[in-house]
Amino acid sequence: MISTTFETLSLPPRHQFEAWRDWYSSLLDTTVSTSLDKGFAARNEVWSLGGLTISRGSAQAISSSRPKALIRRTPVDHWVLTVCKRSTVALSTRNESVTVQPGIPYVISLADEMATVKDDYERVQFYLSRDTFMHIGSALDDARGRPMETSAGRLLADYMLLMVKNLPDLPPDDGPRLVTAVEAMIGACLAPSADRTANVQVQMDFTLMERVRRAVRAHLRSPSLGPDKLCREAATSRSQLYRLLEGEGGVAHYIQRQRLSESFVMLCDVSNALPIGRIADVLCFADASSFSRAFRREFGMSPRDVRSASQAGLLPVPPVKEMAPMAVHYFADCLADL
């Protein structure tokens, strides 16, 4: 999908914040406490999908507000769903003030007066038009101004970040289905029900699976990596974890395949001089023999063969294993039935 990008670094430092302030001037009043002569590094990328606008941005510390005068001048009443990857947010709206931690989503309405204070930040925002998202309007209104510090809220935050990561690779004609998918996911996370959860189970599973992937990658070299650690790291139950990884051959098999894939990369790295036995030990295999047997079953060649080929300049290519028939492996798969 095609995005529009606005950034300030191409401008002279003393004009950077002025340009950023003008970019947002129809929606927000913005101020900074630092000297304008030092510059203001900021970037915003926007995808417009018809009733849904998705924004990914980063900037230095800033204060923003939407006072009554600006609401009267630009009477936009979209809901805005925001999650910051870093920086806490001091949010004031509807006569309440809260602090929102990184990774926690929150909802505001542009029809309300509001103010935020942020340190240097990265954030993702979904601008939701009332006409397009009217079916979940009551849930969005009820959520205004409150950090979504629930497991469903954190799942929604991960979904938002994962969506933005994958947006550039989606074709433009996926736009309408994407809007429908977003509405269903937000509704299921804000106001869960059996029907809503069933309608977005594929999206929820894909988001949870991404959490599991990250957790496994982060702890590949830890002997304690197993179901208990994965449940804690991915914030999921043991039954959900087993269901997610059933198509991968189970939890232990999935972890072993990831470790074998890492060992393949290490053996292909000609600058890596670790003995094969040491690689097996680092990646938590019982011994070099069991590692070599598992490696050959997975790749059809021995660790020694892979290292020798790499050192000879003949980069080996691991065979592609057939995937489980109903598994979700790409973000676009989440839109298939919508």
C-alpha atoms as a PDB file:
ATOM      1  CA  MET A   1       0.000   0.000   0.000  1.00  0.00           C
ATOM      2  CA  ILE A   2       1.174   3.509  -0.787  1.00  0.00           C
ATOM      3  CA  SER A   3       1.871   5.892   2.078  1.00  0.00           C
ATOM      4  CA  THR A   4       2.473   9.624   2.416  1.00  0.00           C
ATOM      5  CA  THR A   5       5.517  10.634   4.441  1.00  0.00           C
ATOM      6  CA  PHE A   6       6.369  13.938   6.085  1.00  0.00           C
ATOM      7  CA  GLU A   7       9.705  14.430   7.831  1.00  0.00           C
ATOM      8  CA  THR A   8      11.663  17.399   9.148  1.00  0.00           C
ATOM      9  CA  LEU A   9      15.320  16.371   8.898  1.00  0.00           C
ATOM     10  CA  SER A  10      15.614  17.649   5.323  1.00  0.00           C
ATOM     11  CA  LEU A  11      14.876  21.187   6.583  1.00  0.00           C
ATOM     12  CA  PRO A  12      17.221  23.663   8.305  1.00  0.00           C
ATOM     13  CA  PRO A  13      17.216  22.951  12.073  1.00  0.00           C
ATOM     14  CA  ARG A  14      15.537  26.194  13.114  1.00  0.00           C
ATOM     15  CA  HIS A  15      12.613  25.556  10.729  1.00  0.00           C
ATOM     16  CA  GLN A  16      12.026  21.925  11.644  1.00  0.00           C
ATOM     17  CA  PHE A  17       9.577  22.354  14.516  1.00  0.00           C
ATOM     18  CA  GLU A  18       7.700  25.103  12.696  1.00  0.00           C
ATOM     19  CA  ALA A  19       7.113  22.717   9.782  1.00  0.00           C
ATOM     20  CA  TRP A  20       5.953  19.952  12.163  1.00  0.00           C
ATOM     21  CA  ARG A  21       3.603  22.334  13.966  1.00  0.00           C
ATOM     22  CA  ASP A  22       2.111  23.434  10.644  1.00  0.00           C
ATOM     23  CA  TRP A  23       1.667  19.794   9.563  1.00  0.00           C
ATOM     24  CA  TYR A  24      -0.622  19.192  12.555  1.00  0.00           C
ATOM     25  CA  SER A  25      -2.070  22.685  12.885  1.00  0.00           C
ATOM     26  CA  SER A  26      -5.596  21.778  11.688  1.00  0.00           C
ATOM     27  CA  LEU A  27      -5.926  19.185  14.460  1.00  0.00           C
ATOM     28  CA  LEU A  28      -3.539  20.105  17.265  1.00  0.00           C
ATOM     29  CA  ASP A  29      -1.670  22.939  18.891  1.00  0.00           C
ATOM     30  CA  THR A  30       1.891  21.790  19.584  1.00  0.00           C
ATOM     31  CA  THR A  31       4.719  23.218  21.683  1.00  0.00           C
ATOM     32  CA  VAL A  32       8.232  22.165  22.694  1.00  0.00           C
ATOM     33  CA  SER A  33      10.400  23.210  25.608  1.00  0.00           C
ATOM     34  CA  THR A  34      13.749  22.943  23.799  1.00  0.00           C
ATOM     35  CA  SER A  35      15.443  25.608  21.710  1.00  0.00           C
ATOM     36  CA  LEU A  36      14.133  25.691  18.141  1.00  0.00           C
ATOM     37  CA  ASP A  37      17.653  26.432  16.890  1.00  0.00           C
ATOM     38  CA  LYS A  38      18.692  22.902  17.879  1.00  0.00           C
ATOM     39  CA  GLY A  39      16.222  21.372  15.461  1.00  0.00           C
ATOM     40  CA  PHE A  40      13.290  19.010  15.863  1.00  0.00           C
ATOM     41  CA  ALA A  41      13.691  15.532  14.375  1.00  0.00           C
ATOM     42  CA  ALA A  42      10.300  14.074  13.460  1.00  0.00           C
ATOM     43  CA  ARG A  43       8.760  11.764  10.889  1.00  0.00           C
ATOM     44  CA  ASN A  44       5.205  10.726  10.065  1.00  0.00           C
ATOM     45  CA  GLU A  45       4.019   8.088   7.580  1.00  0.00           C
ATOM     46  CA  VAL A  46       0.315   7.902   6.739  1.00  0.00           C
ATOM     47  CA  TRP A  47      -1.885   5.344   4.951  1.00  0.00           C
ATOM     48  CA  SER A  48      -5.429   6.437   3.989  1.00  0.00           C
ATOM     49  CA  LEU A  49      -7.819   3.516   3.566  1.00  0.00           C
ATOM     50  CA  GLY A  50     -11.211   5.207   3.397  1.00  0.00           C
ATOM     51  CA  GLY A  51     -12.729   5.743   6.826  1.00  0.00           C
ATOM     52  CA  LEU A  52      -9.510   4.490   8.411  1.00  0.00           C
ATOM     53  CA  THR A  53      -6.252   6.433   8.455  1.00  0.00           C
ATOM     54  CA  ILE A  54      -3.185   4.727   9.908  1.00  0.00           C
ATOM     55  CA  SER A  55      -0.237   6.807  11.046  1.00  0.00           C
ATOM     56  CA  ARG A  56       3.242   5.766  12.164  1.00  0.00           C
ATOM     57  CA  GLY A  57       5.339   8.545  13.642  1.00  0.00           C
ATOM     58  CA  SER A  58       8.318   9.453  15.767  1.00  0.00           C
ATOM     59  CA  ALA A  59       9.390  12.785  17.212  1.00  0.00           C
ATOM     60  CA  GLN A  60      11.226  14.490  20.023  1.00  0.00           C
ATOM     61  CA  ALA A  61       9.536  15.460  23.285  1.00  0.00           C
ATOM     62  CA  ILE A  62       6.419  17.505  22.600  1.00  0.00           C
ATOM     63  CA  SER A  63       3.201  18.829  24.145  1.00  0.00           C
ATOM     64  CA  SER A  64      -0.021  18.728  22.108  1.00  0.00           C
ATOM     65  CA  SER A  65      -3.523  19.997  22.789  1.00  0.00           C
ATOM     66  CA  ARG A  66      -6.910  20.272  21.122  1.00  0.00           C
ATOM     67  CA  PRO A  67      -8.712  23.218  22.720  1.00  0.00           C
ATOM     68  CA  LYS A  68     -12.303  24.325  22.114  1.00  0.00           C
ATOM     69  CA  ALA A  69     -11.277  27.015  19.629  1.00  0.00           C
ATOM     70  CA  LEU A  70      -9.520  24.435  17.441  1.00  0.00           C
ATOM     71  CA  ILE A  71     -12.459  22.012  17.699  1.00  0.00           C
ATOM     72  CA  ARG A  72     -14.795  24.773  16.464  1.00  0.00           C
ATOM     73  CA  ARG A  73     -12.408  25.694  13.652  1.00  0.00           C
ATOM     74  CA  THR A  74     -11.854  22.066  12.532  1.00  0.00           C
ATOM     75  CA  PRO A  75     -14.905  20.069  13.687  1.00  0.00           C
ATOM     76  CA  VAL A  76     -13.476  16.612  13.041  1.00  0.00           C
ATOM     77  CA  ASP A  77     -14.859  14.036  15.477  1.00  0.00           C
ATOM     78  CA  HIS A  78     -12.875  10.883  14.617  1.00  0.00           C
ATOM     79  CA  TRP A  79     -11.821   8.499  17.327  1.00  0.00           C
ATOM     80  CA  VAL A  80      -8.042   8.101  17.603  1.00  0.00           C
ATOM     81  CA  LEU A  81      -6.575   4.838  18.878  1.00  0.00           C
ATOM     82  CA  THR A  82      -2.929   5.282  19.882  1.00  0.00           C
ATOM     83  CA  VAL A  83      -0.107   3.093  21.142  1.00  0.00           C
ATOM     84  CA  CYS A  84       3.405   4.371  21.886  1.00  0.00           C
ATOM     85  CA  LYS A  85       6.305   1.960  21.493  1.00  0.00           C
ATOM     86  CA  ARG A  86       8.405   4.120  23.775  1.00  0.00           C
ATOM     87  CA  SER A  87       7.677   7.074  26.075  1.00  0.00           C
ATOM     88  CA  THR A  88       4.948   7.433  28.623  1.00  0.00           C
ATOM     89  CA  VAL A  89       2.074   9.760  27.734  1.00  0.00           C
ATOM     90  CA  ALA A  90       0.546  12.227  30.181  1.00  0.00           C
ATOM     91  CA  LEU A  91      -3.036  12.416  28.889  1.00  0.00           C
ATOM     92  CA  SER A  92      -5.680  14.903  29.999  1.00  0.00           C
ATOM     93  CA  THR A  93      -9.186  14.680  28.588  1.00  0.00           C
ATOM     94  CA  ARG A  94     -12.797  14.738  29.808  1.00  0.00           C
ATOM     95  CA  ASN A  95     -11.682  16.358  33.104  1.00  0.00           C
ATOM     96  CA  GLU A  96      -9.392  13.441  33.933  1.00  0.00           C
ATOM     97  CA  SER A  97      -5.619  13.022  33.817  1.00  0.00           C
ATOM     98  CA  VAL A  98      -3.867   9.680  33.417  1.00  0.00           C
ATOM     99  CA  THR A  99      -0.403   8.391  32.609  1.00  0.00           C
ATOM    100  CA  VAL A 100      -0.245   5.826  29.818  1.00  0.00           C
ATOM    101  CA  GLN A 101       2.723   3.456  29.765  1.00  0.00           C
ATOM    102  CA  PRO A 102       4.529   2.339  26.583  1.00  0.00           C
ATOM    103  CA  GLY A 103       2.779  -0.531  24.835  1.00  0.00           C
ATOM    104  CA  ILE A 104      -0.641   0.346  26.295  1.00  0.00           C
ATOM    105  CA  PRO A 105      -3.266   1.618  23.815  1.00  0.00           C
ATOM    106  CA  TYR A 106      -5.739   4.381  24.558  1.00  0.00           C
ATOM    107  CA  VAL A 107      -8.644   6.066  22.771  1.00  0.00           C
ATOM    108  CA  ILE A 108      -9.500   9.742  22.461  1.00  0.00           C
ATOM    109  CA  SER A 109     -12.116  11.544  20.413  1.00  0.00           C
ATOM    110  CA  LEU A 110     -11.193  14.606  18.385  1.00  0.00           C
ATOM    111  CA  ALA A 111     -14.578  15.994  19.435  1.00  0.00           C
ATOM    112  CA  ASP A 112     -13.251  16.333  23.009  1.00  0.00           C
ATOM    113  CA  GLU A 113     -10.803  18.797  24.467  1.00  0.00           C
ATOM    114  CA  MET A 114      -7.556  16.993  25.231  1.00  0.00           C
ATOM    115  CA  ALA A 115      -3.865  17.481  25.928  1.00  0.00           C
ATOM    116  CA  THR A 116      -0.850  15.181  25.894  1.00  0.00           C
ATOM    117  CA  VAL A 117       2.773  15.462  26.975  1.00  0.00           C
ATOM    118  CA  LYS A 118       5.290  12.966  25.563  1.00  0.00           C
ATOM    119  CA  ASP A 119       9.026  12.411  25.760  1.00  0.00           C
ATOM    120  CA  ASP A 120      10.878  11.294  22.626  1.00  0.00           C
ATOM    121  CA  TYR A 121       8.478   8.781  21.154  1.00  0.00           C
ATOM    122  CA  GLU A 122       7.513   6.291  18.491  1.00  0.00           C
ATOM    123  CA  ARG A 123       3.804   5.704  18.090  1.00  0.00           C
ATOM    124  CA  VAL A 124       1.130   4.173  15.884  1.00  0.00           C
ATOM    125  CA  GLN A 125      -2.319   5.741  15.534  1.00  0.00           C
ATOM    126  CA  PHE A 126      -5.554   4.584  13.932  1.00  0.00           C
ATOM    127  CA  TYR A 127      -7.922   7.438  13.014  1.00  0.00           C
ATOM    128  CA  LEU A 128     -11.423   5.938  12.925  1.00  0.00           C
ATOM    129  CA  SER A 129     -14.258   7.839  11.251  1.00  0.00           C
ATOM    130  CA  ARG A 130     -17.609   7.677  13.021  1.00  0.00           C
ATOM    131  CA  ASP A 131     -19.492   6.737   9.866  1.00  0.00           C
ATOM    132  CA  THR A 132     -17.221   3.784   9.088  1.00  0.00           C
ATOM    133  CA  PHE A 133     -16.895   2.492  12.652  1.00  0.00           C
ATOM    134  CA  MET A 134     -20.413   3.235  13.891  1.00  0.00           C
ATOM    135  CA  HIS A 135     -21.025  -0.415  14.833  1.00  0.00           C
ATOM    136  CA  ILE A 136     -18.393  -0.236  17.577  1.00  0.00           C
ATOM    137  CA  GLY A 137     -19.007   3.431  18.379  1.00  0.00           C
ATOM    138  CA  SER A 138     -20.393   2.837  21.857  1.00  0.00           C
ATOM    139  CA  ALA A 139     -17.384   0.690  22.804  1.00  0.00           C
ATOM    140  CA  LEU A 140     -14.976   3.366  21.517  1.00  0.00           C
ATOM    141  CA  ASP A 141     -16.818   6.119  23.402  1.00  0.00           C
ATOM    142  CA  ASP A 142     -16.769   4.086  26.615  1.00  0.00           C
ATOM    143  CA  ALA A 143     -13.007   3.554  26.264  1.00  0.00           C
ATOM    144  CA  ARG A 144     -12.114   7.240  25.825  1.00  0.00           C
ATOM    145  CA  GLY A 145      -9.361   8.561  28.060  1.00  0.00           C
ATOM    146  CA  ARG A 146      -8.602   5.273  29.825  1.00  0.00           C
ATOM    147  CA  PRO A 147      -5.425   3.209  29.342  1.00  0.00           C
ATOM    148  CA  MET A 148      -6.348  -0.266  28.090  1.00  0.00           C
ATOM    149  CA  GLU A 149      -4.204  -2.140  30.614  1.00  0.00           C
ATOM    150  CA  THR A 150      -5.868  -5.504  30.029  1.00  0.00           C
ATOM    151  CA  SER A 151      -4.599  -8.575  28.215  1.00  0.00           C
ATOM    152  CA  ALA A 152      -7.004  -7.701  25.372  1.00  0.00           C
ATOM    153  CA  GLY A 153      -5.602  -4.170  25.284  1.00  0.00           C
ATOM    154  CA  ARG A 154      -2.028  -5.427  25.019  1.00  0.00           C
ATOM    155  CA  LEU A 155      -3.091  -7.822  22.287  1.00  0.00           C
ATOM    156  CA  LEU A 156      -4.659  -4.900  20.417  1.00  0.00           C
ATOM    157  CA  ALA A 157      -1.424  -2.917  20.774  1.00  0.00           C
ATOM    158  CA  ASP A 158       0.607  -5.792  19.309  1.00  0.00           C
ATOM    159  CA  TYR A 159      -1.917  -6.099  16.481  1.00  0.00           C
ATOM    160  CA  MET A 160      -1.579  -2.392  15.645  1.00  0.00           C
ATOM    161  CA  LEU A 161       2.215  -2.560  15.558  1.00  0.00           C
ATOM    162  CA  LEU A 162       2.159  -5.737  13.485  1.00  0.00           C
ATOM    163  CA  MET A 163      -0.302  -4.224  11.031  1.00  0.00           C
ATOM    164  CA  VAL A 164       1.870  -1.172  10.397  1.00  0.00           C
ATOM    165  CA  LYS A 165       4.893  -3.404   9.907  1.00  0.00           C
ATOM    166  CA  ASN A 166       3.060  -5.318   7.179  1.00  0.00           C
ATOM    167  CA  LEU A 167       1.114  -2.497   5.503  1.00  0.00           C
ATOM    168  CA  PRO A 168       3.758  -1.638   2.877  1.00  0.00           C
ATOM    169  CA  ASP A 169       3.575  -5.209   1.530  1.00  0.00           C
ATOM    170  CA  LEU A 170      -0.227  -5.333   1.177  1.00  0.00           C
ATOM    171  CA  PRO A 171      -1.818  -4.582  -2.224  1.00  0.00           C
ATOM    172  CA  PRO A 172      -4.118  -1.512  -2.396  1.00  0.00           C
ATOM    173  CA  ASP A 173      -7.198  -3.619  -3.141  1.00  0.00           C
ATOM    174  CA  ASP A 174      -6.895  -5.170   0.341  1.00  0.00           C
ATOM    175  CA  GLY A 175      -7.957  -1.792   1.802  1.00  0.00           C
ATOM    176  CA  PRO A 176     -11.697  -2.477   2.274  1.00  0.00           C
ATOM    177  CA  ARG A 177     -11.065  -5.872   3.858  1.00  0.00           C
ATOM    178  CA  LEU A 178      -8.439  -4.319   6.101  1.00  0.00           C
ATOM    179  CA  VAL A 179     -10.941  -1.747   7.408  1.00  0.00           C
ATOM    180  CA  THR A 180     -13.416  -4.556   8.162  1.00  0.00           C
ATOM    181  CA  ALA A 181     -10.706  -6.568   9.916  1.00  0.00           C
ATOM    182  CA  VAL A 182      -9.648  -3.597  12.047  1.00  0.00           C
ATOM    183  CA  GLU A 183     -13.227  -2.900  13.117  1.00  0.00           C
ATOM    184  CA  ALA A 184     -13.731  -6.531  14.122  1.00  0.00           C
ATOM    185  CA  MET A 185     -10.452  -6.676  16.054  1.00  0.00           C
ATOM    186  CA  ILE A 186     -11.033  -3.427  17.939  1.00  0.00           C
ATOM    187  CA  GLY A 187     -14.589  -4.477  18.791  1.00  0.00           C
ATOM    188  CA  ALA A 188     -13.409  -7.858  20.082  1.00  0.00           C
ATOM    189  CA  CYS A 189     -10.735  -6.253  22.283  1.00  0.00           C
ATOM    190  CA  LEU A 190     -12.867  -3.378  23.620  1.00  0.00           C
ATOM    191  CA  ALA A 191     -16.112  -5.299  24.150  1.00  0.00           C
ATOM    192  CA  PRO A 192     -15.371  -9.038  24.007  1.00  0.00           C
ATOM    193  CA  SER A 193     -18.144 -11.472  23.177  1.00  0.00           C
ATOM    194  CA  ALA A 194     -18.185 -15.035  21.901  1.00  0.00           C
ATOM    195  CA  ASP A 195     -19.323 -13.964  18.437  1.00  0.00           C
ATOM    196  CA  ARG A 196     -16.796 -11.146  18.130  1.00  0.00           C
ATOM    197  CA  THR A 197     -13.926 -13.312  19.308  1.00  0.00           C
ATOM    198  CA  ALA A 198     -14.850 -16.068  16.862  1.00  0.00           C
ATOM    199  CA  ASN A 199     -14.920 -13.547  13.995  1.00  0.00           C
ATOM    200  CA  VAL A 200     -11.349 -12.380  14.649  1.00  0.00           C
ATOM    201  CA  GLN A 201      -9.757 -15.612  15.896  1.00  0.00           C
ATOM    202  CA  VAL A 202      -7.373 -15.758  12.929  1.00  0.00           C
ATOM    203  CA  GLN A 203      -6.147 -12.208  13.589  1.00  0.00           C
ATOM    204  CA  MET A 204      -5.781 -12.907  17.313  1.00  0.00           C
ATOM    205  CA  ASP A 205      -3.880 -16.117  16.608  1.00  0.00           C
ATOM    206  CA  PHE A 206      -1.553 -14.365  14.180  1.00  0.00           C
ATOM    207  CA  THR A 207      -0.823 -11.633  16.736  1.00  0.00           C
ATOM    208  CA  LEU A 208      -0.237 -14.168  19.513  1.00  0.00           C
ATOM    209  CA  MET A 209       1.997 -16.202  17.200  1.00  0.00           C
ATOM    210  CA  GLU A 210       4.108 -13.124  16.569  1.00  0.00           C
ATOM    211  CA  ARG A 211       4.535 -12.749  20.340  1.00  0.00           C
ATOM    212  CA  VAL A 212       5.616 -16.380  20.560  1.00  0.00           C
ATOM    213  CA  ARG A 213       8.114 -15.940  17.705  1.00  0.00           C
ATOM    214  CA  ARG A 214       9.656 -12.912  19.429  1.00  0.00           C
ATOM    215  CA  ALA A 215       9.864 -14.726  22.753  1.00  0.00           C
ATOM    216  CA  VAL A 216      11.514 -17.783  21.222  1.00  0.00           C
ATOM    217  CA  ARG A 217      14.027 -15.660  19.294  1.00  0.00           C
ATOM    218  CA  ALA A 218      14.875 -13.706  22.452  1.00  0.00           C
ATOM    219  CA  HIS A 219      15.537 -16.863  24.508  1.00  0.00           C
ATOM    220  CA  LEU A 220      16.962 -19.329  21.973  1.00  0.00           C
ATOM    221  CA  ARG A 221      20.118 -19.729  24.061  1.00  0.00           C
ATOM    222  CA  SER A 222      18.318 -20.133  27.376  1.00  0.00           C
ATOM    223  CA  PRO A 223      18.030 -23.698  28.770  1.00  0.00           C
ATOM    224  CA  SER A 224      14.824 -22.621  30.545  1.00  0.00           C
ATOM    225  CA  LEU A 225      13.001 -21.914  27.270  1.00  0.00           C
ATOM    226  CA  GLY A 226       9.860 -24.011  27.317  1.00  0.00           C
ATOM    227  CA  PRO A 227       6.074 -23.789  27.664  1.00  0.00           C
ATOM    228  CA  ASP A 228       6.110 -21.979  31.035  1.00  0.00           C
ATOM    229  CA  LYS A 229       8.487 -19.250  29.858  1.00  0.00           C
ATOM    230  CA  LEU A 230       6.638 -18.839  26.556  1.00  0.00           C
ATOM    231  CA  CYS A 231       3.296 -18.487  28.324  1.00  0.00           C
ATOM    232  CA  ARG A 232       4.743 -15.738  30.527  1.00  0.00           C
ATOM    233  CA  GLU A 233       6.568 -13.935  27.714  1.00  0.00           C
ATOM    234  CA  ALA A 234       3.688 -14.110  25.228  1.00  0.00           C
ATOM    235  CA  ALA A 235       1.005 -13.459  27.874  1.00  0.00           C
ATOM    236  CA  THR A 236      -1.003 -16.486  26.819  1.00  0.00           C
ATOM    237  CA  SER A 237      -2.307 -19.648  28.422  1.00  0.00           C
ATOM    238  CA  ARG A 238      -0.776 -23.084  28.075  1.00  0.00           C
ATOM    239  CA  SER A 239      -3.842 -24.356  26.171  1.00  0.00           C
ATOM    240  CA  GLN A 240      -3.633 -21.422  23.725  1.00  0.00           C
ATOM    241  CA  LEU A 241       0.084 -21.989  23.259  1.00  0.00           C
ATOM    242  CA  TYR A 242      -0.389 -25.675  22.491  1.00  0.00           C
ATOM    243  CA  ARG A 243      -3.207 -24.868  20.060  1.00  0.00           C
ATOM    244  CA  LEU A 244      -1.113 -22.225  18.286  1.00  0.00           C
ATOM    245  CA  LEU A 245       1.852 -24.546  17.817  1.00  0.00           C
ATOM    246  CA  GLU A 246      -0.057 -27.718  17.040  1.00  0.00           C
ATOM    247  CA  GLY A 247       0.467 -27.172  13.306  1.00  0.00           C
ATOM    248  CA  GLU A 248       4.202 -26.698  13.931  1.00  0.00           C
ATOM    249  CA  GLY A 249       4.535 -30.110  15.562  1.00  0.00           C
ATOM    250  CA  GLY A 250       4.166 -28.882  19.141  1.00  0.00           C
ATOM    251  CA  VAL A 251       6.044 -26.514  21.435  1.00  0.00           C
ATOM    252  CA  ALA A 252       9.252 -28.533  21.792  1.00  0.00           C
ATOM    253  CA  HIS A 253       9.474 -29.198  18.052  1.00  0.00           C
ATOM    254  CA  TYR A 254       8.925 -25.523  17.219  1.00  0.00           C
ATOM    255  CA  ILE A 255      11.659 -24.418  19.635  1.00  0.00           C
ATOM    256  CA  GLN A 256      14.063 -27.035  18.257  1.00  0.00           C
ATOM    257  CA  ARG A 257      13.413 -25.933  14.656  1.00  0.00           C
ATOM    258  CA  GLN A 258      14.160 -22.334  15.572  1.00  0.00           C
ATOM    259  CA  ARG A 259      17.381 -23.380  17.266  1.00  0.00           C
ATOM    260  CA  LEU A 260      18.368 -25.467  14.262  1.00  0.00           C
ATOM    261  CA  SER A 261      17.672 -22.512  11.962  1.00  0.00           C
ATOM    262  CA  GLU A 262      19.911 -20.344  14.138  1.00  0.00           C
ATOM    263  CA  SER A 263      22.643 -22.962  14.040  1.00  0.00           C
ATOM    264  CA  PHE A 264      22.420 -23.027  10.229  1.00  0.00           C
ATOM    265  CA  VAL A 265      22.989 -19.250  10.152  1.00  0.00           C
ATOM    266  CA  MET A 266      25.946 -19.564  12.541  1.00  0.00           C
ATOM    267  CA  LEU A 267      27.552 -22.315  10.447  1.00  0.00           C
ATOM    268  CA  CYS A 268      27.148 -20.245   7.268  1.00  0.00           C
ATOM    269  CA  ASP A 269      28.957 -17.316   8.903  1.00  0.00           C
ATOM    270  CA  VAL A 270      32.609 -17.764   7.884  1.00  0.00           C
ATOM    271  CA  SER A 271      33.671 -15.376  10.651  1.00  0.00           C
ATOM    272  CA  ASN A 272      32.145 -17.666  13.288  1.00  0.00           C
ATOM    273  CA  ALA A 273      34.896 -20.000  14.512  1.00  0.00           C
ATOM    274  CA  LEU A 274      32.933 -21.735  17.285  1.00  0.00           C
ATOM    275  CA  PRO A 275      33.408 -25.513  17.179  1.00  0.00           C
ATOM    276  CA  ILE A 276      30.286 -27.439  16.190  1.00  0.00           C
ATOM    277  CA  GLY A 277      30.077 -28.959  19.658  1.00  0.00           C
ATOM    278  CA  ARG A 278      30.144 -25.487  21.183  1.00  0.00           C
ATOM    279  CA  ILE A 279      27.349 -24.311  18.852  1.00  0.00           C
ATOM    280  CA  ALA A 280      25.300 -27.288  20.015  1.00  0.00           C
ATOM    281  CA  ASP A 281      25.971 -26.329  23.639  1.00  0.00           C
ATOM    282  CA  VAL A 282      25.148 -22.631  23.096  1.00  0.00           C
ATOM    283  CA  LEU A 283      21.809 -23.568  21.546  1.00  0.00           C
ATOM    284  CA  CYS A 284      20.949 -25.949  24.396  1.00  0.00           C
ATOM    285  CA  PHE A 285      21.272 -29.314  22.669  1.00  0.00           C
ATOM    286  CA  ALA A 286      22.145 -32.217  24.959  1.00  0.00           C
ATOM    287  CA  ASP A 287      25.370 -33.010  23.084  1.00  0.00           C
ATOM    288  CA  ALA A 288      27.040 -32.674  19.697  1.00  0.00           C
ATOM    289  CA  SER A 289      25.780 -36.062  18.478  1.00  0.00           C
ATOM    290  CA  SER A 290      22.104 -35.346  19.124  1.00  0.00           C
ATOM    291  CA  PHE A 291      22.559 -31.915  17.572  1.00  0.00           C
ATOM    292  CA  SER A 292      24.088 -33.396  14.409  1.00  0.00           C
ATOM    293  CA  ARG A 293      21.316 -35.981  14.084  1.00  0.00           C
ATOM    294  CA  ALA A 294      18.583 -33.342  14.475  1.00  0.00           C
ATOM    295  CA  PHE A 295      20.411 -31.036  12.048  1.00  0.00           C
ATOM    296  CA  ARG A 296      20.632 -33.718   9.371  1.00  0.00           C
ATOM    297  CA  ARG A 297      16.936 -34.593   9.767  1.00  0.00           C
ATOM    298  CA  GLU A 298      15.999 -30.945   9.365  1.00  0.00           C
ATOM    299  CA  PHE A 299      18.305 -29.924   6.520  1.00  0.00           C
ATOM    300  CA  GLY A 300      19.410 -33.155   4.845  1.00  0.00           C
ATOM    301  CA  MET A 301      23.091 -32.389   5.434  1.00  0.00           C
ATOM    302  CA  SER A 302      25.453 -32.426   8.396  1.00  0.00           C
ATOM    303  CA  PRO A 303      26.676 -29.350  10.291  1.00  0.00           C
ATOM    304  CA  ARG A 304      30.195 -30.112   9.041  1.00  0.00           C
ATOM    305  CA  ASP A 305      28.977 -30.167   5.403  1.00  0.00           C
ATOM    306  CA  VAL A 306      27.314 -26.769   5.812  1.00  0.00           C
ATOM    307  CA  ARG A 307      30.406 -25.211   7.377  1.00  0.00           C
ATOM    308  CA  SER A 308      32.726 -26.674   4.705  1.00  0.00           C
ATOM    309  CA  ALA A 309      30.487 -25.441   1.871  1.00  0.00           C
ATOM    310  CA  SER A 310      30.350 -21.954   3.382  1.00  0.00           C
ATOM    311  CA  GLN A 311      34.115 -21.776   3.802  1.00  0.00           C
ATOM    312  CA  ALA A 312      34.490 -22.825   0.166  1.00  0.00           C
ATOM    313  CA  GLY A 313      32.227 -19.957  -0.910  1.00  0.00           C
ATOM    314  CA  LEU A 314      29.346 -22.287  -1.794  1.00  0.00           C
ATOM    315  CA  LEU A 315      26.585 -20.882   0.389  1.00  0.00           C
ATOM    316  CA  PRO A 316      24.209 -23.754   1.151  1.00  0.00           C
ATOM    317  CA  VAL A 317      20.457 -23.219   0.968  1.00  0.00           C
ATOM    318  CA  PRO A 318      18.308 -25.031   3.540  1.00  0.00           C
ATOM    319  CA  PRO A 319      15.421 -27.008   2.045  1.00  0.00           C
ATOM    320  CA  VAL A 320      11.979 -25.445   2.414  1.00  0.00           C
ATOM    321  CA  LYS A 321       9.793 -27.531   4.699  1.00  0.00           C
ATOM    322  CA  GLU A 322       6.135 -27.880   3.818  1.00  0.00           C
ATOM    323  CA  MET A 323       3.991 -25.755   6.112  1.00  0.00           C
ATOM    324  CA  ALA A 324       0.943 -26.942   8.022  1.00  0.00           C
ATOM    325  CA  PRO A 325      -2.095 -26.695   5.726  1.00  0.00           C
ATOM    326  CA  MET A 326      -4.220 -24.208   7.707  1.00  0.00           C
ATOM    327  CA  ALA A 327      -1.406 -22.178   9.295  1.00  0.00           C
ATOM    328  CA  VAL A 328      -1.293 -18.386   9.060  1.00  0.00           C
ATOM    329  CA  HIS A 329       2.160 -17.275   7.961  1.00  0.00           C
ATOM    330  CA  TYR A 330       1.583 -13.801   6.474  1.00  0.00           C
ATOM    331  CA  PHE A 331      -0.391 -10.818   7.645  1.00  0.00           C
ATOM    332  CA  ALA A 332      -2.544 -10.856   4.490  1.00  0.00           C
ATOM    333  CA  ASP A 333      -3.747 -14.323   5.553  1.00  0.00           C
ATOM    334  CA  CYS A 334      -5.623 -12.594   8.365  1.00  0.00           C
ATOM    335  CA  LEU A 335      -7.837 -10.880   5.782  1.00  0.00           C
ATOM    336  CA  ALA A 336      -8.640 -13.979   3.768  1.00  0.00           C
ATOM    337  CA  ASP A 337     -12.121 -14.606   5.137  1.00  0.00           C
ATOM    338  CA  LEU A 338     -13.209 -10.993   5.637  1.00  0.00           C
END
